[in-house]
Amino acid sequence: MTCLKRELEIQLSSSSSSPTTSKFSDLRIDINPSSWLTPYRRTSLGYLTKMLLFYHGVGILIMIIGTTIIQNLVPEYQDVSVPLSVISVLSAGPIEEILFFGLPYYIFGNHLVVLGGGMVWVMLHVLNTHTFELTTLSYANWLFVIPSLFFSLRTWISGKGWFAVLTHSLWNGIFFTLGCLVGEASCSLTLRGSDIWTSSSSIWLSAILIVLIFILYKRKPSKTL
């Protein structure tokens, strides 16, 4: 009788907890660094957007603190950016997400392999410069994307790779526009010479990777793209 009473109390306690409380509990667990290599507890658009803003917010904080430290350690440091076109910026979403996260996930199905691909992706961002010297490496860009590694990894292994691709391109587009407007980035809205070849190659590569990841997705019907 005592056991039945105890079980009834537990059931009543569980049923009385509101969805809002449960959602907050899931969010609190997901933002804990101990969960950064695991799938999200929820995958609704609103929830994924909150995680996107969280990781990007952490990235901005790390970038601000890190660049301040670097400027003190490397007195001659100057942030140099490579000229970008709107096509190359937007196509970076599908190219980078699929190449470094999607393909490792669908081919190997191992979270650590995806993490390895993400680490390569992060390190390549520090080379986003014309001259590979200690004083001109793209430290700010590199520092910012470190938390984004975990966002992309978790989004793919949660079965929402399309969201990572879409938001990556959208985020790039927003910062490309802002950087052009304030003069912080070297931007090109028109295509000239080699830019035409580079942009067309980016479009074709994006299309090929999207088709390839879709084929891999179809071969794993139990997975969600």
N, C-alpha and C. Protein backbone atom coordinates (compact mmCIF):
# COMPACT_ATOMS: atom_id res chain seq x y z
N MET A 1 0.83 -1.20 0.00
CA MET A 1 0.00 0.00 0.00
C MET A 1 0.87 1.25 0.00
N THR A 2 1.93 1.22 0.80
CA THR A 2 2.84 2.36 0.87
C THR A 2 3.53 2.59 -0.47
N CYS A 3 3.90 1.47 -1.13
CA CYS A 3 4.58 1.58 -2.43
C CYS A 3 3.65 2.18 -3.48
N LEU A 4 2.39 1.76 -3.45
CA LEU A 4 1.41 2.29 -4.40
C LEU A 4 1.19 3.78 -4.18
N LYS A 5 1.15 4.18 -2.92
CA LYS A 5 0.96 5.58 -2.59
C LYS A 5 2.14 6.41 -3.08
N ARG A 6 3.36 5.87 -2.88
CA ARG A 6 4.57 6.56 -3.31
C ARG A 6 4.61 6.71 -4.83
N GLU A 7 4.22 5.65 -5.55
CA GLU A 7 4.21 5.69 -7.01
C GLU A 7 3.20 6.70 -7.53
N LEU A 8 2.05 6.77 -6.85
CA LEU A 8 1.02 7.73 -7.25
C LEU A 8 1.50 9.16 -7.05
N GLU A 9 2.24 9.40 -5.96
CA GLU A 9 2.77 10.74 -5.70
C GLU A 9 3.77 11.14 -6.77
N ILE A 10 4.60 10.18 -7.20
CA ILE A 10 5.60 10.47 -8.23
C ILE A 10 4.92 10.81 -9.54
N GLN A 11 3.86 10.03 -9.89
CA GLN A 11 3.14 10.29 -11.13
C GLN A 11 2.45 11.65 -11.12
N LEU A 12 1.85 12.00 -9.98
CA LEU A 12 1.19 13.29 -9.86
C LEU A 12 2.20 14.43 -9.94
N SER A 13 3.38 14.21 -9.35
CA SER A 13 4.43 15.24 -9.39
C SER A 13 4.92 15.44 -10.81
N SER A 14 5.07 14.34 -11.56
CA SER A 14 5.56 14.43 -12.93
C SER A 14 4.55 15.12 -13.82
N SER A 15 3.26 14.80 -13.63
CA SER A 15 2.22 15.38 -14.47
C SER A 15 1.99 16.84 -14.17
N SER A 16 2.36 17.27 -12.97
CA SER A 16 2.11 18.67 -12.59
C SER A 16 3.18 19.61 -13.11
N SER A 17 4.33 19.05 -13.54
CA SER A 17 5.39 19.91 -14.06
C SER A 17 4.97 20.48 -15.40
N SER A 18 5.12 21.79 -15.58
CA SER A 18 4.66 22.47 -16.79
C SER A 18 5.62 22.24 -17.94
N PRO A 19 5.14 22.31 -19.20
CA PRO A 19 6.02 22.17 -20.36
C PRO A 19 7.12 23.21 -20.38
N THR A 20 6.81 24.41 -19.88
CA THR A 20 7.81 25.47 -19.86
C THR A 20 8.98 25.11 -18.96
N THR A 21 8.66 24.52 -17.79
CA THR A 21 9.70 24.10 -16.86
C THR A 21 10.55 23.00 -17.47
N SER A 22 9.90 22.06 -18.15
CA SER A 22 10.62 20.96 -18.79
C SER A 22 11.53 21.48 -19.90
N LYS A 23 11.03 22.43 -20.69
CA LYS A 23 11.83 22.99 -21.77
C LYS A 23 13.04 23.74 -21.22
N PHE A 24 12.83 24.49 -20.15
CA PHE A 24 13.94 25.22 -19.53
C PHE A 24 14.97 24.26 -18.99
N SER A 25 14.51 23.14 -18.43
CA SER A 25 15.42 22.14 -17.89
C SER A 25 16.27 21.54 -19.02
N ASP A 26 15.63 21.25 -20.16
CA ASP A 26 16.36 20.72 -21.31
C ASP A 26 17.38 21.73 -21.82
N LEU A 27 16.99 22.99 -21.87
CA LEU A 27 17.89 24.04 -22.35
C LEU A 27 19.09 24.18 -21.41
N ARG A 28 18.83 24.11 -20.13
CA ARG A 28 19.90 24.23 -19.14
C ARG A 28 20.90 23.07 -19.27
N ILE A 29 20.39 21.90 -19.56
CA ILE A 29 21.27 20.74 -19.75
C ILE A 29 22.07 20.88 -21.05
N ASP A 30 21.42 21.35 -22.11
CA ASP A 30 22.06 21.44 -23.42
C ASP A 30 23.16 22.50 -23.47
N ILE A 31 23.04 23.57 -22.68
CA ILE A 31 24.08 24.60 -22.69
C ILE A 31 25.24 24.25 -21.77
N ASN A 32 25.08 23.19 -21.01
CA ASN A 32 26.17 22.73 -20.14
C ASN A 32 27.27 22.12 -21.01
N PRO A 33 28.52 22.55 -20.86
CA PRO A 33 29.62 22.02 -21.69
C PRO A 33 29.73 20.50 -21.69
N SER A 34 29.25 19.84 -20.64
CA SER A 34 29.31 18.38 -20.58
C SER A 34 28.40 17.73 -21.61
N SER A 35 27.49 18.51 -22.21
CA SER A 35 26.56 17.98 -23.21
C SER A 35 26.92 18.39 -24.63
N TRP A 36 28.06 19.03 -24.82
CA TRP A 36 28.37 19.64 -26.12
C TRP A 36 28.76 18.64 -27.20
N LEU A 37 28.86 17.37 -26.86
CA LEU A 37 29.14 16.35 -27.87
C LEU A 37 27.97 15.38 -28.02
N THR A 38 26.82 15.76 -27.52
CA THR A 38 25.64 14.91 -27.57
C THR A 38 24.54 15.58 -28.39
N PRO A 39 23.58 14.80 -28.90
CA PRO A 39 22.45 15.40 -29.63
C PRO A 39 21.63 16.31 -28.71
N TYR A 40 20.93 17.27 -29.31
CA TYR A 40 20.07 18.15 -28.54
C TYR A 40 18.90 17.37 -27.95
N ARG A 41 18.43 17.82 -26.81
CA ARG A 41 17.29 17.17 -26.17
C ARG A 41 15.98 17.50 -26.88
N ARG A 42 15.96 18.62 -27.60
CA ARG A 42 14.81 19.02 -28.41
C ARG A 42 15.31 19.51 -29.76
N THR A 43 14.47 19.40 -30.79
CA THR A 43 14.92 19.81 -32.13
C THR A 43 13.89 20.68 -32.85
N SER A 44 13.05 21.37 -32.10
CA SER A 44 12.12 22.29 -32.74
C SER A 44 12.89 23.49 -33.28
N LEU A 45 12.31 24.22 -34.23
CA LEU A 45 12.99 25.37 -34.81
C LEU A 45 13.32 26.42 -33.76
N GLY A 46 12.38 26.67 -32.86
CA GLY A 46 12.61 27.65 -31.81
C GLY A 46 13.75 27.24 -30.90
N TYR A 47 13.80 25.96 -30.55
CA TYR A 47 14.84 25.46 -29.66
C TYR A 47 16.21 25.53 -30.34
N LEU A 48 16.28 25.11 -31.60
CA LEU A 48 17.54 25.16 -32.34
C LEU A 48 18.03 26.59 -32.51
N THR A 49 17.10 27.51 -32.70
CA THR A 49 17.47 28.92 -32.83
C THR A 49 18.07 29.45 -31.54
N LYS A 50 17.52 29.03 -30.41
CA LYS A 50 18.07 29.44 -29.11
C LYS A 50 19.49 28.91 -28.95
N MET A 51 19.71 27.67 -29.36
CA MET A 51 21.06 27.10 -29.26
C MET A 51 22.02 27.81 -30.20
N LEU A 52 21.54 28.20 -31.38
CA LEU A 52 22.36 28.95 -32.33
C LEU A 52 22.81 30.27 -31.72
N LEU A 53 21.87 31.00 -31.14
CA LEU A 53 22.19 32.29 -30.53
C LEU A 53 23.11 32.11 -29.33
N PHE A 54 22.92 31.03 -28.59
CA PHE A 54 23.79 30.77 -27.44
C PHE A 54 25.23 30.56 -27.88
N TYR A 55 25.44 29.65 -28.83
CA TYR A 55 26.81 29.35 -29.27
C TYR A 55 27.47 30.55 -29.96
N HIS A 56 26.69 31.29 -30.75
CA HIS A 56 27.26 32.47 -31.40
C HIS A 56 27.56 33.57 -30.38
N GLY A 57 26.72 33.65 -29.36
CA GLY A 57 26.99 34.61 -28.28
C GLY A 57 28.28 34.28 -27.56
N VAL A 58 28.49 32.98 -27.28
CA VAL A 58 29.74 32.54 -26.66
C VAL A 58 30.92 32.85 -27.58
N GLY A 59 30.71 32.65 -28.90
CA GLY A 59 31.76 32.92 -29.86
C GLY A 59 32.17 34.38 -29.88
N ILE A 60 31.19 35.27 -29.83
CA ILE A 60 31.48 36.71 -29.81
C ILE A 60 32.26 37.08 -28.55
N LEU A 61 31.88 36.49 -27.42
CA LEU A 61 32.57 36.75 -26.16
C LEU A 61 34.02 36.28 -26.22
N ILE A 62 34.22 35.06 -26.72
CA ILE A 62 35.57 34.52 -26.84
C ILE A 62 36.40 35.36 -27.81
N MET A 63 35.78 35.82 -28.90
CA MET A 63 36.49 36.64 -29.88
C MET A 63 36.95 37.96 -29.27
N ILE A 64 36.09 38.60 -28.51
CA ILE A 64 36.44 39.89 -27.90
C ILE A 64 37.58 39.73 -26.89
N ILE A 65 37.44 38.74 -26.01
CA ILE A 65 38.46 38.51 -24.99
C ILE A 65 39.76 38.04 -25.63
N GLY A 66 39.65 37.10 -26.57
CA GLY A 66 40.83 36.52 -27.20
C GLY A 66 41.62 37.53 -28.01
N THR A 67 40.95 38.35 -28.80
CA THR A 67 41.66 39.34 -29.62
C THR A 67 42.33 40.40 -28.75
N THR A 68 41.72 40.71 -27.62
CA THR A 68 42.34 41.67 -26.68
C THR A 68 43.65 41.12 -26.15
N ILE A 69 43.64 39.82 -25.81
CA ILE A 69 44.86 39.17 -25.32
C ILE A 69 45.92 39.10 -26.42
N ILE A 70 45.49 38.74 -27.62
CA ILE A 70 46.42 38.60 -28.75
C ILE A 70 47.06 39.94 -29.10
N GLN A 71 46.29 41.00 -29.04
CA GLN A 71 46.82 42.32 -29.35
C GLN A 71 47.90 42.73 -28.35
N ASN A 72 47.79 42.24 -27.12
CA ASN A 72 48.81 42.54 -26.12
C ASN A 72 50.04 41.65 -26.29
N LEU A 73 49.82 40.41 -26.72
CA LEU A 73 50.93 39.48 -26.91
C LEU A 73 51.65 39.70 -28.23
N VAL A 74 50.89 40.14 -29.25
CA VAL A 74 51.47 40.39 -30.57
C VAL A 74 51.23 41.87 -30.90
N PRO A 75 52.12 42.75 -30.47
CA PRO A 75 51.91 44.21 -30.64
C PRO A 75 51.65 44.65 -32.07
N GLU A 76 52.26 43.97 -33.04
CA GLU A 76 52.12 44.37 -34.43
C GLU A 76 50.94 43.69 -35.12
N TYR A 77 50.08 43.06 -34.33
CA TYR A 77 48.95 42.33 -34.92
C TYR A 77 47.99 43.27 -35.63
N GLN A 78 47.58 42.88 -36.83
CA GLN A 78 46.57 43.63 -37.57
C GLN A 78 45.63 42.63 -38.24
N ASP A 79 44.34 42.87 -38.08
CA ASP A 79 43.34 41.97 -38.62
C ASP A 79 43.21 42.19 -40.12
N VAL A 80 43.60 41.18 -40.90
CA VAL A 80 43.56 41.27 -42.35
C VAL A 80 42.52 40.29 -42.88
N SER A 81 41.66 40.74 -43.77
CA SER A 81 40.62 39.87 -44.32
C SER A 81 40.81 39.71 -45.82
N VAL A 82 40.36 38.56 -46.31
CA VAL A 82 40.43 38.28 -47.74
C VAL A 82 39.18 38.86 -48.41
N PRO A 83 39.34 39.53 -49.57
CA PRO A 83 38.16 40.06 -50.28
C PRO A 83 37.15 38.95 -50.57
N LEU A 84 35.90 39.23 -50.31
CA LEU A 84 34.85 38.22 -50.47
C LEU A 84 33.77 38.72 -51.41
N SER A 85 33.10 37.77 -52.05
CA SER A 85 31.94 38.08 -52.88
C SER A 85 30.71 37.48 -52.21
N VAL A 86 29.54 38.00 -52.51
CA VAL A 86 28.33 37.52 -51.87
C VAL A 86 28.08 36.05 -52.19
N ILE A 87 28.47 35.60 -53.38
CA ILE A 87 28.27 34.20 -53.75
C ILE A 87 29.16 33.28 -52.92
N SER A 88 30.43 33.65 -52.78
CA SER A 88 31.34 32.82 -52.00
C SER A 88 30.93 32.77 -50.53
N VAL A 89 30.40 33.87 -50.03
CA VAL A 89 29.96 33.92 -48.64
C VAL A 89 28.76 33.02 -48.40
N LEU A 90 27.78 33.09 -49.28
CA LEU A 90 26.57 32.28 -49.11
C LEU A 90 26.81 30.80 -49.38
N SER A 91 27.65 30.51 -50.36
CA SER A 91 27.92 29.10 -50.69
C SER A 91 28.79 28.42 -49.65
N ALA A 92 29.42 29.21 -48.79
CA ALA A 92 30.23 28.63 -47.71
C ALA A 92 29.38 27.80 -46.77
N GLY A 93 28.11 28.14 -46.65
CA GLY A 93 27.21 27.39 -45.78
C GLY A 93 27.13 25.92 -46.16
N PRO A 94 26.62 25.60 -47.35
CA PRO A 94 26.54 24.19 -47.74
C PRO A 94 27.90 23.53 -47.92
N ILE A 95 28.89 24.25 -48.45
CA ILE A 95 30.20 23.63 -48.68
C ILE A 95 30.86 23.23 -47.36
N GLU A 96 30.96 24.16 -46.43
CA GLU A 96 31.65 23.89 -45.18
C GLU A 96 30.88 22.93 -44.29
N GLU A 97 29.57 23.12 -44.19
CA GLU A 97 28.78 22.25 -43.32
C GLU A 97 28.78 20.80 -43.81
N ILE A 98 28.58 20.62 -45.10
CA ILE A 98 28.50 19.26 -45.64
C ILE A 98 29.88 18.61 -45.67
N LEU A 99 30.89 19.35 -46.08
CA LEU A 99 32.23 18.79 -46.23
C LEU A 99 32.84 18.39 -44.89
N PHE A 100 32.69 19.23 -43.87
CA PHE A 100 33.35 18.98 -42.59
C PHE A 100 32.47 18.34 -41.53
N PHE A 101 31.16 18.39 -41.71
CA PHE A 101 30.26 17.81 -40.71
C PHE A 101 29.32 16.75 -41.29
N GLY A 102 28.61 17.11 -42.37
CA GLY A 102 27.61 16.20 -42.93
C GLY A 102 28.20 14.91 -43.47
N LEU A 103 29.21 15.01 -44.32
CA LEU A 103 29.82 13.81 -44.90
C LEU A 103 30.45 12.91 -43.83
N PRO A 104 31.24 13.45 -42.90
CA PRO A 104 31.78 12.58 -41.84
C PRO A 104 30.67 11.89 -41.04
N TYR A 105 29.57 12.60 -40.82
CA TYR A 105 28.49 12.01 -40.03
C TYR A 105 27.79 10.89 -40.79
N TYR A 106 27.43 11.13 -42.04
CA TYR A 106 26.68 10.13 -42.79
C TYR A 106 27.56 8.98 -43.29
N ILE A 107 28.84 9.22 -43.49
CA ILE A 107 29.73 8.16 -43.96
C ILE A 107 30.19 7.27 -42.80
N PHE A 108 30.60 7.89 -41.70
CA PHE A 108 31.17 7.13 -40.59
C PHE A 108 30.18 6.92 -39.44
N GLY A 109 29.26 7.85 -39.26
CA GLY A 109 28.28 7.71 -38.18
C GLY A 109 28.88 7.78 -36.80
N ASN A 110 30.05 8.40 -36.69
CA ASN A 110 30.74 8.47 -35.41
C ASN A 110 30.91 9.93 -35.01
N HIS A 111 30.50 10.28 -33.80
CA HIS A 111 30.56 11.66 -33.34
C HIS A 111 31.99 12.19 -33.28
N LEU A 112 32.94 11.32 -32.93
CA LEU A 112 34.32 11.76 -32.82
C LEU A 112 34.92 12.09 -34.19
N VAL A 113 34.48 11.36 -35.22
CA VAL A 113 34.94 11.66 -36.58
C VAL A 113 34.41 13.03 -37.01
N VAL A 114 33.15 13.30 -36.66
CA VAL A 114 32.55 14.60 -36.97
C VAL A 114 33.29 15.70 -36.22
N LEU A 115 33.66 15.41 -34.98
CA LEU A 115 34.43 16.38 -34.19
C LEU A 115 35.77 16.67 -34.86
N GLY A 116 36.41 15.62 -35.39
CA GLY A 116 37.68 15.81 -36.09
C GLY A 116 37.52 16.69 -37.31
N GLY A 117 36.44 16.47 -38.08
CA GLY A 117 36.17 17.32 -39.23
C GLY A 117 35.94 18.75 -38.83
N GLY A 118 35.23 18.93 -37.71
CA GLY A 118 34.97 20.28 -37.21
C GLY A 118 36.24 20.98 -36.75
N MET A 119 37.16 20.23 -36.17
CA MET A 119 38.42 20.83 -35.72
C MET A 119 39.26 21.31 -36.91
N VAL A 120 39.24 20.54 -37.99
CA VAL A 120 39.94 20.97 -39.20
C VAL A 120 39.30 22.25 -39.73
N TRP A 121 37.97 22.29 -39.73
CA TRP A 121 37.22 23.46 -40.19
C TRP A 121 37.58 24.70 -39.37
N VAL A 122 37.66 24.54 -38.06
CA VAL A 122 38.01 25.66 -37.19
C VAL A 122 39.41 26.18 -37.49
N MET A 123 40.37 25.28 -37.63
CA MET A 123 41.76 25.69 -37.84
C MET A 123 41.94 26.38 -39.19
N LEU A 124 41.15 26.00 -40.19
CA LEU A 124 41.27 26.65 -41.50
C LEU A 124 40.86 28.12 -41.44
N HIS A 125 40.03 28.48 -40.47
CA HIS A 125 39.57 29.87 -40.38
C HIS A 125 40.68 30.84 -39.99
N VAL A 126 41.69 30.34 -39.31
CA VAL A 126 42.77 31.23 -38.91
C VAL A 126 43.63 31.60 -40.12
N LEU A 127 43.49 30.84 -41.22
CA LEU A 127 44.27 31.09 -42.43
C LEU A 127 43.52 31.97 -43.43
N ASN A 128 42.45 32.59 -42.98
CA ASN A 128 41.65 33.45 -43.86
C ASN A 128 42.33 34.80 -44.06
N THR A 129 43.50 34.75 -44.68
CA THR A 129 44.32 35.94 -44.88
C THR A 129 45.23 35.74 -46.09
N HIS A 130 45.79 36.83 -46.60
CA HIS A 130 46.67 36.74 -47.76
C HIS A 130 48.07 36.27 -47.39
N THR A 131 48.58 36.73 -46.26
CA THR A 131 49.93 36.41 -45.84
C THR A 131 49.91 35.59 -44.56
N PHE A 132 50.59 34.46 -44.56
CA PHE A 132 50.58 33.57 -43.41
C PHE A 132 51.71 33.92 -42.44
N GLU A 133 51.53 35.05 -41.78
CA GLU A 133 52.48 35.50 -40.79
C GLU A 133 51.78 35.62 -39.44
N LEU A 134 52.55 35.53 -38.37
CA LEU A 134 52.00 35.55 -37.02
C LEU A 134 51.18 36.81 -36.75
N THR A 135 51.57 37.91 -37.37
CA THR A 135 50.92 39.20 -37.10
C THR A 135 49.69 39.45 -37.98
N THR A 136 49.46 38.57 -38.95
CA THR A 136 48.34 38.82 -39.87
C THR A 136 47.35 37.67 -39.95
N LEU A 137 47.50 36.66 -39.11
CA LEU A 137 46.54 35.54 -39.13
C LEU A 137 45.17 36.02 -38.65
N SER A 138 44.14 35.35 -39.10
CA SER A 138 42.77 35.78 -38.78
C SER A 138 42.32 35.19 -37.44
N TYR A 139 42.91 35.73 -36.37
CA TYR A 139 42.63 35.20 -35.03
C TYR A 139 41.17 35.44 -34.62
N ALA A 140 40.64 36.60 -34.94
CA ALA A 140 39.26 36.93 -34.54
C ALA A 140 38.28 35.94 -35.16
N ASN A 141 38.46 35.67 -36.44
CA ASN A 141 37.59 34.73 -37.15
C ASN A 141 37.70 33.33 -36.54
N TRP A 142 38.93 32.94 -36.23
CA TRP A 142 39.20 31.62 -35.65
C TRP A 142 38.55 31.48 -34.27
N LEU A 143 38.72 32.48 -33.44
CA LEU A 143 38.16 32.43 -32.09
C LEU A 143 36.64 32.38 -32.10
N PHE A 144 36.05 33.12 -33.03
CA PHE A 144 34.58 33.18 -33.09
C PHE A 144 33.96 31.83 -33.43
N VAL A 145 34.60 31.07 -34.33
CA VAL A 145 33.98 29.83 -34.81
C VAL A 145 34.22 28.62 -33.90
N ILE A 146 35.03 28.77 -32.88
CA ILE A 146 35.27 27.63 -31.98
C ILE A 146 33.97 27.10 -31.38
N PRO A 147 33.12 27.93 -30.78
CA PRO A 147 31.85 27.41 -30.27
C PRO A 147 30.91 26.94 -31.39
N SER A 148 31.02 27.55 -32.57
CA SER A 148 30.17 27.16 -33.70
C SER A 148 30.44 25.72 -34.11
N LEU A 149 31.65 25.24 -33.85
CA LEU A 149 31.98 23.84 -34.11
C LEU A 149 30.99 22.92 -33.40
N PHE A 150 30.72 23.22 -32.14
CA PHE A 150 29.83 22.37 -31.35
C PHE A 150 28.37 22.53 -31.78
N PHE A 151 28.01 23.74 -32.22
CA PHE A 151 26.65 23.92 -32.71
C PHE A 151 26.41 23.08 -33.96
N SER A 152 27.33 23.14 -34.91
CA SER A 152 27.17 22.38 -36.14
C SER A 152 27.21 20.88 -35.88
N LEU A 153 28.16 20.45 -35.06
CA LEU A 153 28.27 19.03 -34.73
C LEU A 153 26.96 18.51 -34.13
N ARG A 154 26.45 19.22 -33.14
CA ARG A 154 25.26 18.76 -32.44
C ARG A 154 24.01 18.84 -33.33
N THR A 155 23.98 19.83 -34.21
CA THR A 155 22.83 19.96 -35.11
C THR A 155 22.79 18.80 -36.10
N TRP A 156 23.95 18.41 -36.63
CA TRP A 156 24.00 17.28 -37.56
C TRP A 156 23.66 15.97 -36.88
N ILE A 157 24.24 15.70 -35.72
CA ILE A 157 23.99 14.43 -35.05
C ILE A 157 22.59 14.39 -34.44
N SER A 158 21.93 15.54 -34.38
CA SER A 158 20.53 15.59 -33.93
C SER A 158 19.57 15.39 -35.10
N GLY A 159 20.14 15.21 -36.31
CA GLY A 159 19.30 14.96 -37.48
C GLY A 159 18.74 16.20 -38.13
N LYS A 160 19.37 17.36 -37.89
CA LYS A 160 18.88 18.62 -38.46
C LYS A 160 19.98 19.34 -39.23
N GLY A 161 20.68 18.59 -40.07
CA GLY A 161 21.77 19.18 -40.83
C GLY A 161 21.36 20.33 -41.72
N TRP A 162 20.14 20.25 -42.26
CA TRP A 162 19.65 21.33 -43.13
C TRP A 162 19.61 22.66 -42.39
N PHE A 163 19.33 22.61 -41.08
CA PHE A 163 19.26 23.84 -40.29
C PHE A 163 20.65 24.45 -40.13
N ALA A 164 21.66 23.60 -39.97
CA ALA A 164 23.04 24.08 -39.86
C ALA A 164 23.47 24.75 -41.16
N VAL A 165 23.12 24.14 -42.29
CA VAL A 165 23.47 24.70 -43.59
C VAL A 165 22.79 26.05 -43.80
N LEU A 166 21.50 26.10 -43.54
CA LEU A 166 20.72 27.32 -43.77
C LEU A 166 21.20 28.47 -42.89
N THR A 167 21.35 28.21 -41.60
CA THR A 167 21.74 29.28 -40.68
C THR A 167 23.19 29.71 -40.90
N HIS A 168 24.03 28.79 -41.36
CA HIS A 168 25.43 29.14 -41.66
C HIS A 168 25.47 30.17 -42.78
N SER A 169 24.72 29.90 -43.85
CA SER A 169 24.69 30.85 -44.97
C SER A 169 24.03 32.16 -44.56
N LEU A 170 22.96 32.08 -43.79
CA LEU A 170 22.26 33.28 -43.34
C LEU A 170 23.15 34.14 -42.46
N TRP A 171 23.84 33.51 -41.53
CA TRP A 171 24.74 34.24 -40.63
C TRP A 171 25.87 34.89 -41.41
N ASN A 172 26.45 34.14 -42.36
CA ASN A 172 27.51 34.70 -43.21
C ASN A 172 27.00 35.91 -43.99
N GLY A 173 25.78 35.77 -44.53
CA GLY A 173 25.21 36.86 -45.31
C GLY A 173 24.99 38.12 -44.49
N ILE A 174 24.53 37.94 -43.26
CA ILE A 174 24.29 39.08 -42.37
C ILE A 174 25.60 39.81 -42.06
N PHE A 175 26.63 39.06 -41.69
CA PHE A 175 27.89 39.68 -41.33
C PHE A 175 28.62 40.23 -42.55
N PHE A 176 28.42 39.60 -43.70
CA PHE A 176 28.99 40.13 -44.93
C PHE A 176 28.41 41.50 -45.22
N THR A 177 27.10 41.61 -45.08
CA THR A 177 26.42 42.89 -45.33
C THR A 177 26.86 43.96 -44.34
N LEU A 178 26.89 43.59 -43.05
CA LEU A 178 27.29 44.55 -42.02
C LEU A 178 28.75 44.98 -42.21
N GLY A 179 29.62 44.01 -42.52
CA GLY A 179 31.03 44.33 -42.73
C GLY A 179 31.24 45.26 -43.90
N CYS A 180 30.46 45.07 -44.96
CA CYS A 180 30.57 45.95 -46.13
C CYS A 180 30.08 47.36 -45.80
N LEU A 181 28.98 47.43 -45.04
CA LEU A 181 28.39 48.73 -44.73
C LEU A 181 29.29 49.59 -43.86
N VAL A 182 29.96 48.96 -42.90
CA VAL A 182 30.81 49.73 -41.97
C VAL A 182 32.26 49.78 -42.42
N GLY A 183 32.57 49.11 -43.53
CA GLY A 183 33.93 49.15 -44.06
C GLY A 183 34.93 48.29 -43.32
N GLU A 184 34.44 47.32 -42.52
CA GLU A 184 35.34 46.46 -41.77
C GLU A 184 35.86 45.30 -42.62
N ALA A 185 35.18 45.01 -43.72
CA ALA A 185 35.58 43.89 -44.57
C ALA A 185 35.75 44.37 -46.00
N SER A 186 36.62 43.64 -46.71
CA SER A 186 36.84 43.94 -48.13
C SER A 186 35.85 43.11 -48.93
N CYS A 187 34.82 43.77 -49.45
CA CYS A 187 33.72 43.06 -50.09
C CYS A 187 33.61 43.41 -51.56
N SER A 188 33.07 42.46 -52.30
CA SER A 188 32.86 42.67 -53.73
C SER A 188 31.46 42.21 -54.10
N LEU A 189 30.67 43.14 -54.63
CA LEU A 189 29.31 42.80 -55.04
C LEU A 189 29.24 42.46 -56.52
N THR A 190 30.31 42.76 -57.26
CA THR A 190 30.37 42.44 -58.68
C THR A 190 31.48 41.43 -58.93
N LEU A 191 31.32 40.64 -59.97
CA LEU A 191 32.29 39.60 -60.29
C LEU A 191 33.20 40.06 -61.42
N ARG A 192 34.50 39.92 -61.20
CA ARG A 192 35.47 40.33 -62.21
C ARG A 192 36.57 39.28 -62.32
N GLY A 193 36.99 38.99 -63.54
CA GLY A 193 38.11 38.10 -63.77
C GLY A 193 37.98 36.77 -63.08
N SER A 194 38.95 36.47 -62.19
CA SER A 194 38.98 35.19 -61.50
C SER A 194 37.81 35.01 -60.55
N ASP A 195 37.18 36.12 -60.12
CA ASP A 195 36.02 36.02 -59.23
C ASP A 195 34.88 35.25 -59.90
N ILE A 196 34.75 35.39 -61.20
CA ILE A 196 33.68 34.69 -61.91
C ILE A 196 33.90 33.19 -61.82
N TRP A 197 35.14 32.76 -62.05
CA TRP A 197 35.46 31.33 -61.97
C TRP A 197 35.29 30.81 -60.55
N THR A 198 35.76 31.58 -59.57
CA THR A 198 35.66 31.16 -58.17
C THR A 198 34.21 31.04 -57.74
N SER A 199 33.38 32.01 -58.11
CA SER A 199 31.98 31.99 -57.71
C SER A 199 31.21 30.86 -58.39
N SER A 200 31.47 30.65 -59.68
CA SER A 200 30.78 29.57 -60.38
C SER A 200 31.21 28.22 -59.83
N SER A 201 32.48 28.09 -59.45
CA SER A 201 32.98 26.85 -58.85
C SER A 201 32.30 26.60 -57.50
N SER A 202 32.10 27.68 -56.75
CA SER A 202 31.44 27.56 -55.44
C SER A 202 30.01 27.08 -55.60
N ILE A 203 29.32 27.60 -56.61
CA ILE A 203 27.94 27.20 -56.86
C ILE A 203 27.86 25.73 -57.24
N TRP A 204 28.75 25.32 -58.15
CA TRP A 204 28.75 23.93 -58.60
C TRP A 204 29.13 22.98 -57.46
N LEU A 205 30.11 23.36 -56.67
CA LEU A 205 30.53 22.51 -55.55
C LEU A 205 29.40 22.39 -54.52
N SER A 206 28.72 23.49 -54.26
CA SER A 206 27.59 23.46 -53.33
C SER A 206 26.51 22.50 -53.82
N ALA A 207 26.19 22.60 -55.11
CA ALA A 207 25.16 21.74 -55.69
C ALA A 207 25.55 20.27 -55.61
N ILE A 208 26.82 19.97 -55.94
CA ILE A 208 27.30 18.58 -55.89
C ILE A 208 27.24 18.02 -54.48
N LEU A 209 27.67 18.81 -53.51
CA LEU A 209 27.66 18.36 -52.12
C LEU A 209 26.25 18.16 -51.60
N ILE A 210 25.33 19.04 -51.98
CA ILE A 210 23.94 18.90 -51.55
C ILE A 210 23.33 17.61 -52.11
N VAL A 211 23.61 17.32 -53.39
CA VAL A 211 23.11 16.08 -54.00
C VAL A 211 23.73 14.87 -53.32
N LEU A 212 25.03 14.94 -53.04
CA LEU A 212 25.73 13.83 -52.41
C LEU A 212 25.21 13.54 -51.02
N ILE A 213 25.00 14.59 -50.24
CA ILE A 213 24.51 14.37 -48.87
C ILE A 213 23.07 13.87 -48.88
N PHE A 214 22.31 14.27 -49.89
CA PHE A 214 20.94 13.78 -50.01
C PHE A 214 20.93 12.29 -50.35
N ILE A 215 21.86 11.86 -51.20
CA ILE A 215 21.96 10.44 -51.54
C ILE A 215 22.32 9.62 -50.31
N LEU A 216 23.28 10.13 -49.53
CA LEU A 216 23.67 9.43 -48.30
C LEU A 216 22.52 9.39 -47.31
N TYR A 217 21.75 10.45 -47.26
CA TYR A 217 20.57 10.51 -46.39
C TYR A 217 19.53 9.48 -46.80
N LYS A 218 19.30 9.34 -48.11
CA LYS A 218 18.31 8.38 -48.60
C LYS A 218 18.73 6.94 -48.32
N ARG A 219 20.04 6.71 -48.22
CA ARG A 219 20.52 5.36 -47.92
C ARG A 219 20.36 5.01 -46.45
N LYS A 220 20.08 6.04 -45.65
CA LYS A 220 19.86 5.80 -44.22
C LYS A 220 18.48 6.33 -43.86
N PRO A 221 17.43 5.59 -44.20
CA PRO A 221 16.07 6.07 -43.98
C PRO A 221 15.72 6.34 -42.52
N SER A 222 16.49 5.72 -41.62
CA SER A 222 16.21 5.96 -40.21
C SER A 222 16.75 7.27 -39.71
N LYS A 223 17.61 7.91 -40.53
CA LYS A 223 18.19 9.19 -40.14
C LYS A 223 17.34 10.34 -40.67
N THR A 224 17.52 11.49 -40.06
CA THR A 224 16.85 12.70 -40.52
C THR A 224 17.88 13.70 -40.97
N LEU A 225 17.70 14.26 -42.15
CA LEU A 225 18.69 15.22 -42.67
C LEU A 225 18.60 16.54 -41.92
